[in-house]
Amino acid sequence: VLTLFSASARGGEADPRAAALIEGARKEARMVFYTSVETEFARSLTSAFEPKYPFIKTDIFRSTHDKIFSRMNVERQTGTYTADVVSVGEFETYHMQKKGFIAPYKSPFAAAYPDGFKDPNGYWTDLYDNLIVSAYNTTRVKRDELPKRWEDLLHPRWKGRMVLDQNEDRWFANMLHLMGEKNGMEFMQSLAKQDVAIRGGRSLVTQLLSAGEFDLQIVAYWYRPYLMKKQGAPVDWFGLEPTVIALHPISIVEKTPHPSAARLFIDFALSDEGQKVFLQKGREPAKPGLRPEGYPVNLKAFPSRLQLAEKLDEYNRQFRPLF
């Protein structure tokens, strides 16, 4: 087994399974990747993949989670399958699996990923993460003033000083799960009374925070304030426990036109070589042991639960009237 995995890591020369995939991919000569990750990162991943398999031409369709889901739904209805591999948010992945848009594929590289970061039946494996933290403006908030617990956000000193993205229903759902539905809802109802400002676009919110429009951003992706701070912006981050890790699974598409190339690409994306593409860009690879500089390894964080997607409409109906 060790011999096979070692060979696979070197490119599969001595691995019969990998050799068969390579032979099939030579004939297919193409792979189409649907993804919601920024084009820069998607292209970095395919650009690292292509020299390894120069006989495979890669194409990327990059859009939002919802538009990718809609496009795949149309392709399924019309029978004009284009996508081979898809990587979107965890909730869209849940619905794609439920609708039969994706197929199981247990990549040998997925064995290194823990429970919660892969589907036990192989329908998806986490490609990269976004750790959810909070951020603050360092010129308007002192470090020793920062909340230590989620409940500290309910202190009168924070009233009218906080901001939240308008599309945080997934964070809302996960927090209710982690806190317990009753306690979580009581917390959210109290938080809503703090006159929390609502804006659109999490990255834009962090930029407005840096500009001094707000003092504290309740939900931020860790990498954004961390990188902005390194560039000299007056922002920093802090973590409140428990917190959530937003997942971005990768899956093979059901009825993929290029099944061998698709499997090779997923193997590559989940390998150290593929995961280091995200690492080099300062983002958060999903594979354990690969973390960017400054990553808070001791923060008590839990992977977002895909099953919560089943009740997302209900969570949305609760979230929007509050905030």
C-alpha atoms as a PDB file:
ATOM      1  CA  VAL A   1       0.000   0.000   0.000  1.00  0.00           C
ATOM      2  CA  LEU A   2       2.808   2.425   0.898  1.00  0.00           C
ATOM      3  CA  THR A   3       4.515   1.653  -2.393  1.00  0.00           C
ATOM      4  CA  LEU A   4       1.364   2.433  -4.357  1.00  0.00           C
ATOM      5  CA  PHE A   5       0.754   5.698  -2.513  1.00  0.00           C
ATOM      6  CA  SER A   6       4.388   6.744  -2.942  1.00  0.00           C
ATOM      7  CA  ALA A   7       4.209   6.059  -6.646  1.00  0.00           C
ATOM      8  CA  SER A   8       0.959   7.967  -6.902  1.00  0.00           C
ATOM      9  CA  ALA A   9       2.517  10.950  -5.159  1.00  0.00           C
ATOM     10  CA  ARG A  10       5.368  10.912  -7.700  1.00  0.00           C
ATOM     11  CA  GLY A  11       2.958  10.955 -10.608  1.00  0.00           C
ATOM     12  CA  GLY A  12       1.669   7.399 -10.719  1.00  0.00           C
ATOM     13  CA  GLU A  13       4.372   5.752 -12.840  1.00  0.00           C
ATOM     14  CA  ALA A  14       4.223   2.462 -10.906  1.00  0.00           C
ATOM     15  CA  ASP A  15       0.563   2.661  -9.887  1.00  0.00           C
ATOM     16  CA  PRO A  16      -1.697   0.624 -12.219  1.00  0.00           C
ATOM     17  CA  ARG A  17      -4.712   2.687 -11.211  1.00  0.00           C
ATOM     18  CA  ALA A  18      -2.984   5.974 -12.032  1.00  0.00           C
ATOM     19  CA  ALA A  19      -1.504   4.513 -15.231  1.00  0.00           C
ATOM     20  CA  ALA A  20      -4.999   3.572 -16.419  1.00  0.00           C
ATOM     21  CA  LEU A  21      -6.265   7.077 -15.649  1.00  0.00           C
ATOM     22  CA  ILE A  22      -3.374   8.624 -17.565  1.00  0.00           C
ATOM     23  CA  GLU A  23      -4.023   6.398 -20.574  1.00  0.00           C
ATOM     24  CA  GLY A  24      -7.705   7.359 -20.533  1.00  0.00           C
ATOM     25  CA  ALA A  25      -6.940  11.054 -20.065  1.00  0.00           C
ATOM     26  CA  ARG A  26      -4.612  11.048 -23.078  1.00  0.00           C
ATOM     27  CA  LYS A  27      -7.566  10.039 -25.219  1.00  0.00           C
ATOM     28  CA  GLU A  28      -9.934  12.537 -23.592  1.00  0.00           C
ATOM     29  CA  ALA A  29      -7.395  15.398 -23.814  1.00  0.00           C
ATOM     30  CA  ARG A  30      -9.634  17.852 -21.911  1.00  0.00           C
ATOM     31  CA  MET A  31     -11.000  18.700 -18.467  1.00  0.00           C
ATOM     32  CA  VAL A  32     -13.594  21.361 -17.584  1.00  0.00           C
ATOM     33  CA  PHE A  33     -13.611  22.799 -14.049  1.00  0.00           C
ATOM     34  CA  TYR A  34     -16.654  24.608 -12.659  1.00  0.00           C
ATOM     35  CA  THR A  35     -15.751  26.582  -9.534  1.00  0.00           C
ATOM     36  CA  SER A  36     -16.746  29.475  -7.295  1.00  0.00           C
ATOM     37  CA  VAL A  37     -13.180  30.177  -6.147  1.00  0.00           C
ATOM     38  CA  GLU A  38     -11.701  33.391  -7.511  1.00  0.00           C
ATOM     39  CA  THR A  39     -10.385  33.023 -11.061  1.00  0.00           C
ATOM     40  CA  GLU A  40      -6.841  33.792  -9.877  1.00  0.00           C
ATOM     41  CA  PHE A  41      -6.816  30.745  -7.586  1.00  0.00           C
ATOM     42  CA  ALA A  42      -8.628  28.460 -10.028  1.00  0.00           C
ATOM     43  CA  ARG A  43      -6.118  29.326 -12.741  1.00  0.00           C
ATOM     44  CA  SER A  44      -3.205  28.806 -10.356  1.00  0.00           C
ATOM     45  CA  LEU A  45      -4.487  25.286  -9.671  1.00  0.00           C
ATOM     46  CA  THR A  46      -4.997  24.349 -13.329  1.00  0.00           C
ATOM     47  CA  SER A  47      -1.677  25.979 -14.281  1.00  0.00           C
ATOM     48  CA  ALA A  48       0.091  23.715 -11.802  1.00  0.00           C
ATOM     49  CA  PHE A  49      -1.837  20.682 -13.075  1.00  0.00           C
ATOM     50  CA  GLU A  50      -1.179  21.175 -16.803  1.00  0.00           C
ATOM     51  CA  PRO A  51       2.641  20.734 -16.776  1.00  0.00           C
ATOM     52  CA  LYS A  52       2.162  17.458 -14.931  1.00  0.00           C
ATOM     53  CA  TYR A  53      -0.291  16.257 -17.601  1.00  0.00           C
ATOM     54  CA  PRO A  54       0.481  18.377 -20.685  1.00  0.00           C
ATOM     55  CA  PHE A  55      -1.826  16.276 -22.867  1.00  0.00           C
ATOM     56  CA  ILE A  56      -4.874  17.592 -20.953  1.00  0.00           C
ATOM     57  CA  LYS A  57      -6.293  20.998 -21.895  1.00  0.00           C
ATOM     58  CA  THR A  58      -8.112  22.580 -18.953  1.00  0.00           C
ATOM     59  CA  ASP A  59     -10.998  25.031 -19.124  1.00  0.00           C
ATOM     60  CA  ILE A  60     -12.508  26.968 -16.232  1.00  0.00           C
ATOM     61  CA  PHE A  61     -16.029  28.276 -15.737  1.00  0.00           C
ATOM     62  CA  ARG A  62     -15.935  30.555 -12.708  1.00  0.00           C
ATOM     63  CA  SER A  63     -19.119  32.004 -11.217  1.00  0.00           C
ATOM     64  CA  THR A  64     -21.121  32.224  -8.007  1.00  0.00           C
ATOM     65  CA  HIS A  65     -22.375  29.148  -6.156  1.00  0.00           C
ATOM     66  CA  ASP A  66     -25.959  29.772  -7.259  1.00  0.00           C
ATOM     67  CA  LYS A  67     -25.151  30.346 -10.936  1.00  0.00           C
ATOM     68  CA  ILE A  68     -23.040  27.201 -11.145  1.00  0.00           C
ATOM     69  CA  PHE A  69     -25.843  25.199  -9.553  1.00  0.00           C
ATOM     70  CA  SER A  70     -28.352  26.655 -12.048  1.00  0.00           C
ATOM     71  CA  ARG A  71     -26.070  25.987 -15.008  1.00  0.00           C
ATOM     72  CA  MET A  72     -25.572  22.363 -14.012  1.00  0.00           C
ATOM     73  CA  ASN A  73     -29.311  21.994 -13.556  1.00  0.00           C
ATOM     74  CA  VAL A  74     -29.883  23.226 -17.120  1.00  0.00           C
ATOM     75  CA  GLU A  75     -27.176  20.902 -18.473  1.00  0.00           C
ATOM     76  CA  ARG A  76     -28.836  17.963 -16.750  1.00  0.00           C
ATOM     77  CA  GLN A  77     -32.268  18.862 -18.119  1.00  0.00           C
ATOM     78  CA  THR A  78     -30.980  19.279 -21.675  1.00  0.00           C
ATOM     79  CA  GLY A  79     -28.528  16.359 -21.595  1.00  0.00           C
ATOM     80  CA  THR A  80     -25.643  18.607 -22.720  1.00  0.00           C
ATOM     81  CA  TYR A  81     -23.047  17.734 -20.103  1.00  0.00           C
ATOM     82  CA  THR A  82     -19.979  19.989 -20.079  1.00  0.00           C
ATOM     83  CA  ALA A  83     -18.525  20.038 -16.558  1.00  0.00           C
ATOM     84  CA  ASP A  84     -16.132  17.348 -15.343  1.00  0.00           C
ATOM     85  CA  VAL A  85     -15.202  18.634 -11.880  1.00  0.00           C
ATOM     86  CA  VAL A  86     -17.080  21.067  -9.671  1.00  0.00           C
ATOM     87  CA  SER A  87     -16.102  22.955  -6.514  1.00  0.00           C
ATOM     88  CA  VAL A  88     -18.671  25.187  -4.829  1.00  0.00           C
ATOM     89  CA  GLY A  89     -19.853  25.880  -1.291  1.00  0.00           C
ATOM     90  CA  GLU A  90     -20.750  23.106   1.101  1.00  0.00           C
ATOM     91  CA  PHE A  91     -24.500  23.760   1.015  1.00  0.00           C
ATOM     92  CA  GLU A  92     -24.631  23.724  -2.807  1.00  0.00           C
ATOM     93  CA  THR A  93     -22.588  20.519  -2.752  1.00  0.00           C
ATOM     94  CA  TYR A  94     -25.199  18.978  -0.448  1.00  0.00           C
ATOM     95  CA  HIS A  95     -28.008  19.824  -2.885  1.00  0.00           C
ATOM     96  CA  MET A  96     -25.946  18.669  -5.895  1.00  0.00           C
ATOM     97  CA  GLN A  97     -25.440  15.320  -4.219  1.00  0.00           C
ATOM     98  CA  LYS A  98     -29.127  15.098  -3.353  1.00  0.00           C
ATOM     99  CA  LYS A  99     -30.139  15.871  -6.955  1.00  0.00           C
ATOM    100  CA  GLY A 100     -27.613  13.437  -8.432  1.00  0.00           C
ATOM    101  CA  PHE A 101     -25.434  16.102 -10.062  1.00  0.00           C
ATOM    102  CA  ILE A 102     -22.228  14.601  -8.637  1.00  0.00           C
ATOM    103  CA  ALA A 103     -20.897  11.057  -8.425  1.00  0.00           C
ATOM    104  CA  PRO A 104     -18.791   9.228  -5.829  1.00  0.00           C
ATOM    105  CA  TYR A 105     -15.049   9.096  -6.342  1.00  0.00           C
ATOM    106  CA  LYS A 106     -12.784   7.997  -3.488  1.00  0.00           C
ATOM    107  CA  SER A 107      -9.464   9.516  -4.414  1.00  0.00           C
ATOM    108  CA  PRO A 108      -6.550   7.787  -2.630  1.00  0.00           C
ATOM    109  CA  PHE A 109      -5.443  11.239  -1.507  1.00  0.00           C
ATOM    110  CA  ALA A 110      -8.718  11.766   0.377  1.00  0.00           C
ATOM    111  CA  ALA A 111      -7.570   9.238   2.983  1.00  0.00           C
ATOM    112  CA  ALA A 112      -5.542  11.992   4.682  1.00  0.00           C
ATOM    113  CA  TYR A 113      -8.627  14.165   5.249  1.00  0.00           C
ATOM    114  CA  PRO A 114     -10.517  13.741   8.551  1.00  0.00           C
ATOM    115  CA  ASP A 115     -14.214  13.101   9.058  1.00  0.00           C
ATOM    116  CA  GLY A 116     -16.262  16.222   8.477  1.00  0.00           C
ATOM    117  CA  PHE A 117     -13.973  17.253   5.629  1.00  0.00           C
ATOM    118  CA  LYS A 118     -15.026  14.479   3.238  1.00  0.00           C
ATOM    119  CA  ASP A 119     -18.117  12.457   2.424  1.00  0.00           C
ATOM    120  CA  PRO A 120     -17.871   8.869   3.697  1.00  0.00           C
ATOM    121  CA  ASN A 121     -19.192   7.605   0.365  1.00  0.00           C
ATOM    122  CA  GLY A 122     -16.765   9.682  -1.696  1.00  0.00           C
ATOM    123  CA  TYR A 123     -19.159  12.242  -3.152  1.00  0.00           C
ATOM    124  CA  TRP A 124     -16.940  15.145  -2.099  1.00  0.00           C
ATOM    125  CA  THR A 125     -13.712  16.070  -0.345  1.00  0.00           C
ATOM    126  CA  ASP A 126     -12.915  19.521   0.991  1.00  0.00           C
ATOM    127  CA  LEU A 127     -10.611  21.459  -1.357  1.00  0.00           C
ATOM    128  CA  TYR A 128      -9.907  24.608   0.681  1.00  0.00           C
ATOM    129  CA  ASP A 129     -11.237  26.309   3.785  1.00  0.00           C
ATOM    130  CA  ASN A 130     -12.292  29.700   5.049  1.00  0.00           C
ATOM    131  CA  LEU A 131     -11.908  30.010   8.806  1.00  0.00           C
ATOM    132  CA  ILE A 132     -14.544  32.349  10.234  1.00  0.00           C
ATOM    133  CA  VAL A 133     -13.225  34.920  12.716  1.00  0.00           C
ATOM    134  CA  SER A 134     -14.125  38.478  13.700  1.00  0.00           C
ATOM    135  CA  ALA A 135     -12.198  41.602  12.673  1.00  0.00           C
ATOM    136  CA  TYR A 136     -11.756  45.073  14.107  1.00  0.00           C
ATOM    137  CA  ASN A 137     -10.343  48.488  13.269  1.00  0.00           C
ATOM    138  CA  THR A 138      -7.113  48.857  15.259  1.00  0.00           C
ATOM    139  CA  THR A 139      -7.337  52.655  15.436  1.00  0.00           C
ATOM    140  CA  ARG A 140     -10.825  52.544  16.962  1.00  0.00           C
ATOM    141  CA  VAL A 141     -10.618  49.445  19.180  1.00  0.00           C
ATOM    142  CA  LYS A 142      -7.865  48.482  21.615  1.00  0.00           C
ATOM    143  CA  ARG A 143      -6.767  44.878  21.787  1.00  0.00           C
ATOM    144  CA  ASP A 144      -7.615  44.595  25.487  1.00  0.00           C
ATOM    145  CA  GLU A 145     -11.187  45.760  24.770  1.00  0.00           C
ATOM    146  CA  LEU A 146     -11.949  42.844  22.481  1.00  0.00           C
ATOM    147  CA  PRO A 147     -14.699  40.349  23.325  1.00  0.00           C
ATOM    148  CA  LYS A 148     -13.547  37.024  24.760  1.00  0.00           C
ATOM    149  CA  ARG A 149     -16.834  35.174  24.189  1.00  0.00           C
ATOM    150  CA  TRP A 150     -19.701  35.508  21.711  1.00  0.00           C
ATOM    151  CA  GLU A 151     -21.868  36.777  24.576  1.00  0.00           C
ATOM    152  CA  ASP A 152     -19.492  39.721  25.051  1.00  0.00           C
ATOM    153  CA  LEU A 153     -20.802  41.168  21.791  1.00  0.00           C
ATOM    154  CA  LEU A 154     -24.016  41.880  23.696  1.00  0.00           C
ATOM    155  CA  HIS A 155     -22.302  44.420  25.984  1.00  0.00           C
ATOM    156  CA  PRO A 156     -23.708  47.969  25.616  1.00  0.00           C
ATOM    157  CA  ARG A 157     -20.269  49.264  24.510  1.00  0.00           C
ATOM    158  CA  TRP A 158     -20.692  47.519  21.134  1.00  0.00           C
ATOM    159  CA  LYS A 159     -24.136  48.884  20.327  1.00  0.00           C
ATOM    160  CA  GLY A 160     -24.126  50.644  16.956  1.00  0.00           C
ATOM    161  CA  ARG A 161     -20.457  49.789  16.296  1.00  0.00           C
ATOM    162  CA  MET A 162     -20.720  46.403  14.576  1.00  0.00           C
ATOM    163  CA  VAL A 163     -21.364  45.273  11.000  1.00  0.00           C
ATOM    164  CA  LEU A 164     -22.523  42.025   9.402  1.00  0.00           C
ATOM    165  CA  ASP A 165     -22.775  40.891   5.788  1.00  0.00           C
ATOM    166  CA  GLN A 166     -26.365  40.510   4.606  1.00  0.00           C
ATOM    167  CA  ASN A 167     -25.788  36.901   3.501  1.00  0.00           C
ATOM    168  CA  GLU A 168     -24.663  35.305   6.748  1.00  0.00           C
ATOM    169  CA  ASP A 169     -27.558  32.843   6.968  1.00  0.00           C
ATOM    170  CA  ARG A 170     -25.088  29.921   6.716  1.00  0.00           C
ATOM    171  CA  TRP A 171     -23.041  31.238   9.644  1.00  0.00           C
ATOM    172  CA  PHE A 172     -26.349  31.772  11.456  1.00  0.00           C
ATOM    173  CA  ALA A 173     -27.377  28.141  10.812  1.00  0.00           C
ATOM    174  CA  ASN A 174     -24.056  26.725  11.999  1.00  0.00           C
ATOM    175  CA  MET A 175     -24.023  28.880  15.132  1.00  0.00           C
ATOM    176  CA  LEU A 176     -27.514  27.738  16.082  1.00  0.00           C
ATOM    177  CA  HIS A 177     -26.305  24.170  15.651  1.00  0.00           C
ATOM    178  CA  LEU A 178     -23.173  24.733  17.775  1.00  0.00           C
ATOM    179  CA  MET A 179     -24.913  26.746  20.491  1.00  0.00           C
ATOM    180  CA  GLY A 180     -28.098  24.717  20.471  1.00  0.00           C
ATOM    181  CA  GLU A 181     -31.233  25.970  18.734  1.00  0.00           C
ATOM    182  CA  LYS A 182     -32.768  27.616  21.830  1.00  0.00           C
ATOM    183  CA  ASN A 183     -29.601  29.230  23.219  1.00  0.00           C
ATOM    184  CA  GLY A 184     -28.433  30.167  19.738  1.00  0.00           C
ATOM    185  CA  MET A 185     -31.678  31.922  18.856  1.00  0.00           C
ATOM    186  CA  GLU A 186     -31.690  33.810  22.145  1.00  0.00           C
ATOM    187  CA  PHE A 187     -28.151  34.989  21.411  1.00  0.00           C
ATOM    188  CA  MET A 188     -29.039  36.072  17.868  1.00  0.00           C
ATOM    189  CA  GLN A 189     -32.139  37.937  19.043  1.00  0.00           C
ATOM    190  CA  SER A 190     -30.037  39.836  21.588  1.00  0.00           C
ATOM    191  CA  LEU A 191     -27.322  40.508  18.997  1.00  0.00           C
ATOM    192  CA  ALA A 192     -29.900  41.968  16.607  1.00  0.00           C
ATOM    193  CA  LYS A 193     -30.847  44.529  19.300  1.00  0.00           C
ATOM    194  CA  GLN A 194     -27.287  45.888  19.147  1.00  0.00           C
ATOM    195  CA  ASP A 195     -28.125  47.971  16.048  1.00  0.00           C
ATOM    196  CA  VAL A 196     -25.844  45.883  13.838  1.00  0.00           C
ATOM    197  CA  ALA A 197     -25.225  47.540  10.471  1.00  0.00           C
ATOM    198  CA  ILE A 198     -25.900  45.354   7.412  1.00  0.00           C
ATOM    199  CA  ARG A 199     -23.890  45.621   4.195  1.00  0.00           C
ATOM    200  CA  GLY A 200     -23.431  43.444   1.092  1.00  0.00           C
ATOM    201  CA  GLY A 201     -20.174  41.570   0.432  1.00  0.00           C
ATOM    202  CA  ARG A 202     -17.926  40.219   3.172  1.00  0.00           C
ATOM    203  CA  SER A 203     -14.703  41.480   1.563  1.00  0.00           C
ATOM    204  CA  LEU A 204     -16.246  44.914   1.004  1.00  0.00           C
ATOM    205  CA  VAL A 205     -17.290  44.976   4.652  1.00  0.00           C
ATOM    206  CA  THR A 206     -13.677  44.365   5.711  1.00  0.00           C
ATOM    207  CA  GLN A 207     -12.553  47.239   3.479  1.00  0.00           C
ATOM    208  CA  LEU A 208     -15.181  49.528   5.058  1.00  0.00           C
ATOM    209  CA  LEU A 209     -13.923  48.397   8.461  1.00  0.00           C
ATOM    210  CA  SER A 210     -10.403  49.382   7.446  1.00  0.00           C
ATOM    211  CA  ALA A 211     -11.681  52.771   6.312  1.00  0.00           C
ATOM    212  CA  GLY A 212     -13.121  53.406   9.772  1.00  0.00           C
ATOM    213  CA  GLU A 213     -16.804  53.172   8.873  1.00  0.00           C
ATOM    214  CA  PHE A 214     -17.269  50.430  11.487  1.00  0.00           C
ATOM    215  CA  ASP A 215     -15.376  49.280  14.561  1.00  0.00           C
ATOM    216  CA  LEU A 216     -16.008  45.529  14.524  1.00  0.00           C
ATOM    217  CA  GLN A 217     -16.939  43.000  11.820  1.00  0.00           C
ATOM    218  CA  ILE A 218     -18.773  40.058  13.393  1.00  0.00           C
ATOM    219  CA  VAL A 219     -18.048  37.555  10.611  1.00  0.00           C
ATOM    220  CA  ALA A 220     -14.865  37.739   8.536  1.00  0.00           C
ATOM    221  CA  TYR A 221     -12.803  35.173   6.668  1.00  0.00           C
ATOM    222  CA  TRP A 222      -9.484  34.961   8.515  1.00  0.00           C
ATOM    223  CA  TYR A 223      -7.231  35.418   5.505  1.00  0.00           C
ATOM    224  CA  ARG A 224      -8.741  38.794   4.550  1.00  0.00           C
ATOM    225  CA  PRO A 225      -7.916  40.886   7.673  1.00  0.00           C
ATOM    226  CA  TYR A 226      -4.676  38.937   8.123  1.00  0.00           C
ATOM    227  CA  LEU A 227      -3.398  39.841   4.642  1.00  0.00           C
ATOM    228  CA  MET A 228      -4.709  43.417   4.882  1.00  0.00           C
ATOM    229  CA  LYS A 229      -2.862  43.886   8.170  1.00  0.00           C
ATOM    230  CA  LYS A 230       0.366  42.653   6.539  1.00  0.00           C
ATOM    231  CA  GLN A 231      -0.160  45.287   3.848  1.00  0.00           C
ATOM    232  CA  GLY A 232      -0.430  48.033   6.475  1.00  0.00           C
ATOM    233  CA  ALA A 233      -4.199  48.407   6.841  1.00  0.00           C
ATOM    234  CA  PRO A 234      -5.506  49.295  10.336  1.00  0.00           C
ATOM    235  CA  VAL A 235      -7.333  45.979  10.780  1.00  0.00           C
ATOM    236  CA  ASP A 236      -6.713  42.818  12.752  1.00  0.00           C
ATOM    237  CA  TRP A 237      -8.652  39.690  13.636  1.00  0.00           C
ATOM    238  CA  PHE A 238      -9.656  37.764  16.744  1.00  0.00           C
ATOM    239  CA  GLY A 239     -11.400  34.427  17.229  1.00  0.00           C
ATOM    240  CA  LEU A 240     -14.448  33.595  19.341  1.00  0.00           C
ATOM    241  CA  GLU A 241     -15.123  29.959  20.221  1.00  0.00           C
ATOM    242  CA  PRO A 242     -16.769  27.889  18.984  1.00  0.00           C
ATOM    243  CA  THR A 243     -16.312  29.013  15.421  1.00  0.00           C
ATOM    244  CA  VAL A 244     -17.009  27.619  11.978  1.00  0.00           C
ATOM    245  CA  ILE A 245     -14.825  26.531   9.070  1.00  0.00           C
ATOM    246  CA  ALA A 246     -16.560  27.172   5.746  1.00  0.00           C
ATOM    247  CA  LEU A 247     -15.836  24.289   3.357  1.00  0.00           C
ATOM    248  CA  HIS A 248     -15.414  24.282  -0.413  1.00  0.00           C
ATOM    249  CA  PRO A 249     -15.718  20.662  -1.546  1.00  0.00           C
ATOM    250  CA  ILE A 250     -14.509  19.265  -4.858  1.00  0.00           C
ATOM    251  CA  SER A 251     -16.473  16.551  -6.682  1.00  0.00           C
ATOM    252  CA  ILE A 252     -16.600  14.672  -9.947  1.00  0.00           C
ATOM    253  CA  VAL A 253     -19.686  15.425 -12.032  1.00  0.00           C
ATOM    254  CA  GLU A 254     -22.149  12.652 -12.743  1.00  0.00           C
ATOM    255  CA  LYS A 255     -21.892  11.725 -16.445  1.00  0.00           C
ATOM    256  CA  THR A 256     -18.602  13.612 -16.771  1.00  0.00           C
ATOM    257  CA  PRO A 257     -17.463  13.785 -20.421  1.00  0.00           C
ATOM    258  CA  HIS A 258     -13.830  13.243 -19.391  1.00  0.00           C
ATOM    259  CA  PRO A 259     -13.857  10.849 -16.417  1.00  0.00           C
ATOM    260  CA  SER A 260     -10.164   9.925 -16.407  1.00  0.00           C
ATOM    261  CA  ALA A 261      -8.952  13.528 -16.656  1.00  0.00           C
ATOM    262  CA  ALA A 262     -11.466  14.520 -13.963  1.00  0.00           C
ATOM    263  CA  ARG A 263     -10.123  11.904 -11.557  1.00  0.00           C
ATOM    264  CA  LEU A 264      -6.523  12.910 -12.241  1.00  0.00           C
ATOM    265  CA  PHE A 265      -7.405  16.532 -11.519  1.00  0.00           C
ATOM    266  CA  ILE A 266      -9.131  15.701  -8.228  1.00  0.00           C
ATOM    267  CA  ASP A 267      -6.154  13.529  -7.208  1.00  0.00           C
ATOM    268  CA  PHE A 268      -3.823  16.414  -7.968  1.00  0.00           C
ATOM    269  CA  ALA A 269      -5.980  19.011  -6.183  1.00  0.00           C
ATOM    270  CA  LEU A 270      -6.072  16.919  -3.000  1.00  0.00           C
ATOM    271  CA  SER A 271      -2.375  16.026  -3.056  1.00  0.00           C
ATOM    272  CA  ASP A 272       0.302  18.040  -1.269  1.00  0.00           C
ATOM    273  CA  GLU A 273       1.313  19.509  -4.618  1.00  0.00           C
ATOM    274  CA  GLY A 274      -2.169  20.811  -5.367  1.00  0.00           C
ATOM    275  CA  GLN A 275      -2.882  21.950  -1.819  1.00  0.00           C
ATOM    276  CA  LYS A 276       0.335  23.951  -1.727  1.00  0.00           C
ATOM    277  CA  VAL A 277      -1.035  26.099  -4.552  1.00  0.00           C
ATOM    278  CA  PHE A 278      -3.500  27.560  -2.025  1.00  0.00           C
ATOM    279  CA  LEU A 279      -0.796  27.718   0.630  1.00  0.00           C
ATOM    280  CA  GLN A 280       1.473  29.781  -1.608  1.00  0.00           C
ATOM    281  CA  LYS A 281      -1.348  32.287  -2.123  1.00  0.00           C
ATOM    282  CA  GLY A 282      -1.896  32.744   1.607  1.00  0.00           C
ATOM    283  CA  ARG A 283      -5.163  30.800   1.570  1.00  0.00           C
ATOM    284  CA  GLU A 284      -6.197  27.821   3.693  1.00  0.00           C
ATOM    285  CA  PRO A 285      -5.636  24.350   2.213  1.00  0.00           C
ATOM    286  CA  ALA A 286      -8.032  21.726   3.498  1.00  0.00           C
ATOM    287  CA  LYS A 287      -5.388  19.050   4.016  1.00  0.00           C
ATOM    288  CA  PRO A 288      -4.234  18.689   7.641  1.00  0.00           C
ATOM    289  CA  GLY A 289      -0.704  19.848   8.320  1.00  0.00           C
ATOM    290  CA  LEU A 290      -0.684  22.484   5.584  1.00  0.00           C
ATOM    291  CA  ARG A 291      -1.461  25.888   7.058  1.00  0.00           C
ATOM    292  CA  PRO A 292      -0.457  29.398   5.933  1.00  0.00           C
ATOM    293  CA  GLU A 293       1.728  31.681   7.995  1.00  0.00           C
ATOM    294  CA  GLY A 294      -0.126  33.096  10.990  1.00  0.00           C
ATOM    295  CA  TYR A 295      -2.990  30.593  10.870  1.00  0.00           C
ATOM    296  CA  PRO A 296      -4.648  30.128  14.317  1.00  0.00           C
ATOM    297  CA  VAL A 297      -4.134  26.399  14.779  1.00  0.00           C
ATOM    298  CA  ASN A 298      -5.403  26.365  18.385  1.00  0.00           C
ATOM    299  CA  LEU A 299      -8.773  28.004  17.754  1.00  0.00           C
ATOM    300  CA  LYS A 300     -11.672  25.630  18.518  1.00  0.00           C
ATOM    301  CA  ALA A 301     -13.311  25.411  15.111  1.00  0.00           C
ATOM    302  CA  PHE A 302     -15.765  23.012  13.516  1.00  0.00           C
ATOM    303  CA  PRO A 303     -16.422  22.243   9.832  1.00  0.00           C
ATOM    304  CA  SER A 304     -19.679  23.619   8.498  1.00  0.00           C
ATOM    305  CA  ARG A 305     -22.364  20.915   8.509  1.00  0.00           C
ATOM    306  CA  LEU A 306     -23.641  20.190   5.010  1.00  0.00           C
ATOM    307  CA  GLN A 307     -26.866  18.711   6.398  1.00  0.00           C
ATOM    308  CA  LEU A 308     -27.933  22.180   7.570  1.00  0.00           C
ATOM    309  CA  ALA A 309     -28.568  22.974   3.902  1.00  0.00           C
ATOM    310  CA  GLU A 310     -31.761  20.948   4.220  1.00  0.00           C
ATOM    311  CA  LYS A 311     -33.277  23.680   6.418  1.00  0.00           C
ATOM    312  CA  LEU A 312     -31.505  26.702   4.914  1.00  0.00           C
ATOM    313  CA  ASP A 313     -34.761  28.325   3.784  1.00  0.00           C
ATOM    314  CA  GLU A 314     -36.044  28.102   7.340  1.00  0.00           C
ATOM    315  CA  TYR A 315     -32.830  29.572   8.750  1.00  0.00           C
ATOM    316  CA  ASN A 316     -33.024  32.335   6.149  1.00  0.00           C
ATOM    317  CA  ARG A 317     -36.567  33.183   7.228  1.00  0.00           C
ATOM    318  CA  GLN A 318     -35.288  33.513  10.794  1.00  0.00           C
ATOM    319  CA  PHE A 319     -32.118  35.442   9.922  1.00  0.00           C
ATOM    320  CA  ARG A 320     -33.516  38.174   7.667  1.00  0.00           C
ATOM    321  CA  PRO A 321     -36.184  39.633   9.984  1.00  0.00           C
ATOM    322  CA  LEU A 322     -33.610  39.808  12.783  1.00  0.00           C
ATOM    323  CA  PHE A 323     -30.842  41.514  10.805  1.00  0.00           C
END
